[in-house]
């Protein structure tokens, strides 16, 4: 029986490793080919927000949340969109039936900051550009992965910021911010990002 238990643990470990390796390949592929220039684009290339939805799902696979982030072992992994929703159906289509580990994924939309404090991941819409500082301050003390797309978001204390470079979706990661939230970011994800740190306070807008 002991031998069987060891074999079972080994199988689980291999499956987990395989799952993460597969996810790493998907994320790397997204990063290398996301939003190709129009002169060599496919007939129906994914839209910017279809790509961003796929990135968000893959981000979740490479970040470890403290156990206390979930109210119950069966609680879903909650992704919140704060502000005007730029995804349309793209987020729902990308995440329908998907799992993060052993948790189902739930998507919530709100314009109220208080509603976002229970989420494991919050996407801050560009419609909230004028209150980024307020949002980041309001989410302090939580283990929420805060993702945005406005200029200077990561340097202001956001954790991940989408940027467009050469017509491709890329991302920055602020490791100061993820450390403060108690989130453990995989080295694989870090290797695909441009790493930044908090800007000096007098440089933040």
Protein backbone atom coordinates (compact mmCIF):
# COMPACT_ATOMS: atom_id res chain seq x y z
CA UNK A 1 0.00 0.00 0.00
CA UNK A 2 2.85 2.34 0.80
CA UNK A 3 4.39 1.66 -2.60
CA UNK A 4 1.06 2.40 -4.28
CA UNK A 5 0.83 5.67 -2.38
CA UNK A 6 4.29 6.69 -3.53
CA UNK A 7 3.40 5.82 -7.12
CA UNK A 8 0.20 7.88 -6.89
CA UNK A 9 2.08 10.91 -5.56
CA UNK A 10 4.68 10.54 -8.29
CA UNK A 11 1.95 10.37 -10.95
CA UNK A 12 0.27 13.50 -9.56
CA UNK A 13 3.60 15.33 -9.57
CA UNK A 14 4.29 14.31 -13.19
CA UNK A 15 0.79 15.33 -14.28
CA UNK A 16 1.18 18.70 -12.56
CA UNK A 17 4.56 19.24 -14.21
CA UNK A 18 3.16 18.25 -17.62
CA UNK A 19 0.22 20.64 -17.17
CA UNK A 20 2.53 23.51 -16.29
CA UNK A 21 4.88 22.72 -19.18
CA UNK A 22 1.96 22.68 -21.61
CA UNK A 23 0.69 25.96 -20.21
CA UNK A 24 4.18 27.45 -20.54
CA UNK A 25 4.27 26.49 -24.21
CA UNK A 26 0.85 28.07 -24.78
CA UNK A 27 1.90 31.29 -23.06
CA UNK A 28 5.17 31.44 -24.98
CA UNK A 29 3.28 30.90 -28.25
CA UNK A 30 0.85 33.67 -27.37
CA UNK A 31 3.71 36.01 -26.60
CA UNK A 32 5.66 35.24 -29.77
CA UNK A 33 2.76 35.48 -32.19
CA UNK A 34 0.14 37.61 -30.47
CA UNK A 35 -1.65 40.07 -32.68
CA UNK A 36 0.50 39.65 -35.83
CA UNK A 37 1.00 42.69 -38.09
CA UNK A 38 -1.85 43.12 -40.53
CA UNK A 39 0.28 42.53 -43.63
CA UNK A 40 0.81 38.89 -42.64
CA UNK A 41 -2.22 38.30 -40.44
CA UNK A 42 -4.44 35.27 -40.77
CA UNK A 43 -7.87 35.61 -42.36
CA UNK A 44 -9.52 35.79 -38.94
CA UNK A 45 -6.80 36.69 -36.43
CA UNK A 46 -7.76 36.85 -32.75
CA UNK A 47 -8.68 40.30 -31.54
CA UNK A 48 -6.61 42.20 -29.00
CA UNK A 49 -9.02 41.30 -26.20
CA UNK A 50 -9.31 37.66 -27.20
CA UNK A 51 -5.54 37.50 -26.76
CA UNK A 52 -5.67 39.36 -23.47
CA UNK A 53 -8.34 36.98 -22.17
CA UNK A 54 -6.10 34.04 -23.06
CA UNK A 55 -3.18 35.72 -21.32
CA UNK A 56 -5.21 36.25 -18.14
CA UNK A 57 -6.11 32.57 -18.02
CA UNK A 58 -2.47 31.58 -18.48
CA UNK A 59 -1.28 34.10 -15.89
CA UNK A 60 -3.46 32.30 -13.35
CA UNK A 61 -1.63 29.04 -14.04
CA UNK A 62 1.73 30.50 -13.14
CA UNK A 63 0.89 32.34 -9.93
CA UNK A 64 0.44 30.70 -6.54
CA UNK A 65 -2.12 32.27 -4.19
CA UNK A 66 -2.04 31.87 -0.40
CA UNK A 67 -4.59 29.31 0.82
CA UNK A 68 -6.30 32.08 2.79
CA UNK A 69 -7.22 33.77 -0.51
CA UNK A 70 -10.09 31.29 -0.88
CA UNK A 71 -12.97 31.06 1.55
CA UNK A 72 -13.46 27.35 0.89
CA UNK A 73 -11.54 24.47 -0.77
CA UNK A 74 -14.32 24.33 -3.37
CA UNK A 75 -14.48 28.09 -3.98
CA UNK A 76 -14.09 29.11 -7.63
CA UNK A 77 -11.20 31.13 -8.96
CA UNK A 78 -12.76 34.56 -9.47
CA UNK A 79 -11.63 36.96 -12.19
CA UNK A 80 -13.18 40.41 -11.90
CA UNK A 81 -13.37 43.07 -14.60
CA UNK A 82 -13.38 46.47 -12.93
CA UNK A 83 -14.89 49.28 -14.99
CA UNK A 84 -16.17 49.23 -18.55
CA UNK A 85 -15.81 45.73 -20.01
CA UNK A 86 -13.63 45.80 -23.16
CA UNK A 87 -13.80 42.02 -23.69
CA UNK A 88 -17.38 41.56 -24.81
CA UNK A 89 -17.90 37.80 -25.11
CA UNK A 90 -14.16 37.12 -25.48
CA UNK A 91 -13.57 36.52 -21.78
CA UNK A 92 -16.55 34.21 -21.38
CA UNK A 93 -15.66 32.28 -24.53
CA UNK A 94 -12.01 31.87 -23.51
CA UNK A 95 -12.79 30.67 -19.98
CA UNK A 96 -15.96 28.63 -20.48
CA UNK A 97 -15.50 25.31 -18.70
CA UNK A 98 -11.87 26.05 -17.84
CA UNK A 99 -10.22 25.12 -14.54
CA UNK A 100 -7.42 26.69 -12.54
CA UNK A 101 -5.96 23.71 -10.77
CA UNK A 102 -9.00 22.03 -9.26
CA UNK A 103 -11.13 25.18 -9.20
CA UNK A 104 -13.70 26.31 -11.69
CA UNK A 105 -13.42 29.85 -13.04
CA UNK A 106 -16.01 32.55 -12.35
CA UNK A 107 -16.10 35.93 -14.11
CA UNK A 108 -17.59 38.98 -12.41
CA UNK A 109 -18.04 42.51 -13.71
CA UNK A 110 -18.40 45.59 -11.56
CA UNK A 111 -17.65 49.30 -11.37
CA UNK A 112 -17.42 49.20 -7.58
CA UNK A 113 -13.99 48.76 -6.01
CA UNK A 114 -15.42 47.07 -2.91
CA UNK A 115 -16.72 44.24 -5.10
CA UNK A 116 -13.20 43.43 -6.29
CA UNK A 117 -11.58 42.72 -2.93
CA UNK A 118 -12.70 39.08 -2.88
CA UNK A 119 -11.39 38.34 -6.39
CA UNK A 120 -8.22 36.38 -7.04
CA UNK A 121 -7.54 38.43 -10.17
CA UNK A 122 -8.77 41.89 -11.13
CA UNK A 123 -8.48 43.36 -14.61
CA UNK A 124 -8.60 47.16 -14.33
CA UNK A 125 -10.17 48.53 -17.49
CA UNK A 126 -8.68 51.57 -19.21
CA UNK A 127 -11.95 53.33 -18.35
CA UNK A 128 -10.60 53.53 -14.78
CA UNK A 129 -7.39 55.35 -15.76
CA UNK A 130 -8.19 58.38 -13.63
CA UNK A 131 -8.54 56.33 -10.45
CA UNK A 132 -5.74 53.78 -10.75
CA UNK A 133 -4.08 55.08 -7.58
CA UNK A 134 -7.38 54.79 -5.68
CA UNK A 135 -7.93 51.24 -6.93
CA UNK A 136 -4.43 50.05 -6.07
CA UNK A 137 -4.70 51.63 -2.63
CA UNK A 138 -8.11 50.01 -2.10
CA UNK A 139 -6.76 46.55 -2.91
CA UNK A 140 -3.85 46.78 -0.49
CA UNK A 141 -3.86 43.99 2.07
CA UNK A 142 -5.45 41.51 -0.35
CA UNK A 143 -3.79 38.72 -2.32
CA UNK A 144 -5.37 39.91 -5.55
CA UNK A 145 -3.41 39.81 -8.78
CA UNK A 146 -4.12 43.23 -10.26
CA UNK A 147 -3.74 43.52 -14.04
CA UNK A 148 -4.12 46.70 -16.07
CA UNK A 149 -3.46 48.17 -19.49
CA UNK A 150 -2.93 51.88 -18.93
CA UNK A 151 0.46 53.53 -19.29
CA UNK A 152 2.50 53.47 -16.08
CA UNK A 153 0.18 50.95 -14.39
CA UNK A 154 2.95 48.59 -13.25
CA UNK A 155 5.29 51.34 -12.09
CA UNK A 156 2.40 52.81 -10.06
CA UNK A 157 2.09 49.54 -8.13
CA UNK A 158 -0.02 47.38 -10.42
CA UNK A 159 1.22 43.80 -10.71
CA UNK A 160 0.91 43.10 -14.43
CA UNK A 161 0.55 45.63 -17.23
CA UNK A 162 -0.31 44.83 -20.82
CA UNK A 163 1.58 46.84 -23.42
CA UNK A 164 1.52 46.86 -27.22
CA UNK A 165 4.93 46.63 -28.86
CA UNK A 166 5.34 46.24 -32.63
CA UNK A 167 1.62 45.43 -32.86
CA UNK A 168 1.98 42.60 -30.35
CA UNK A 169 0.59 42.15 -26.86
CA UNK A 170 3.37 42.01 -24.28
CA UNK A 171 3.34 42.40 -20.51
CA UNK A 172 5.30 43.88 -17.63
CA UNK A 173 5.43 42.42 -14.12
CA UNK A 174 6.10 44.50 -11.01
CA UNK A 175 7.73 42.02 -8.62
CA UNK A 176 7.63 44.50 -5.73
CA UNK A 177 3.83 44.50 -5.98
CA UNK A 178 3.45 40.71 -6.27
CA UNK A 179 5.75 40.22 -3.28
CA UNK A 180 3.67 42.63 -1.18
CA UNK A 181 0.53 40.65 -1.98
CA UNK A 182 2.13 37.35 -1.00
CA UNK A 183 1.85 35.95 -4.52
CA UNK A 184 4.46 33.52 -5.84
CA UNK A 185 5.08 34.05 -9.54
CA UNK A 186 6.60 31.20 -11.53
CA UNK A 187 10.06 31.79 -12.97
CA UNK A 188 8.63 30.70 -16.34
CA UNK A 189 6.18 33.59 -16.32
CA UNK A 190 8.84 36.03 -15.11
CA UNK A 191 11.13 34.94 -17.94
CA UNK A 192 8.50 35.96 -20.51
CA UNK A 193 7.87 39.38 -18.99
CA UNK A 194 9.73 42.64 -18.74
CA UNK A 195 10.32 43.13 -15.03
CA UNK A 196 9.79 46.51 -13.42
CA UNK A 197 9.76 47.91 -9.90
CA UNK A 198 7.77 50.55 -8.08
CA UNK A 199 8.49 54.04 -9.28
CA UNK A 200 9.67 56.50 -6.63
CA UNK A 201 6.63 58.04 -4.97
CA UNK A 202 7.31 61.48 -6.36
CA UNK A 203 7.29 60.00 -9.90
CA UNK A 204 3.84 58.40 -9.60
CA UNK A 205 0.87 60.19 -11.07
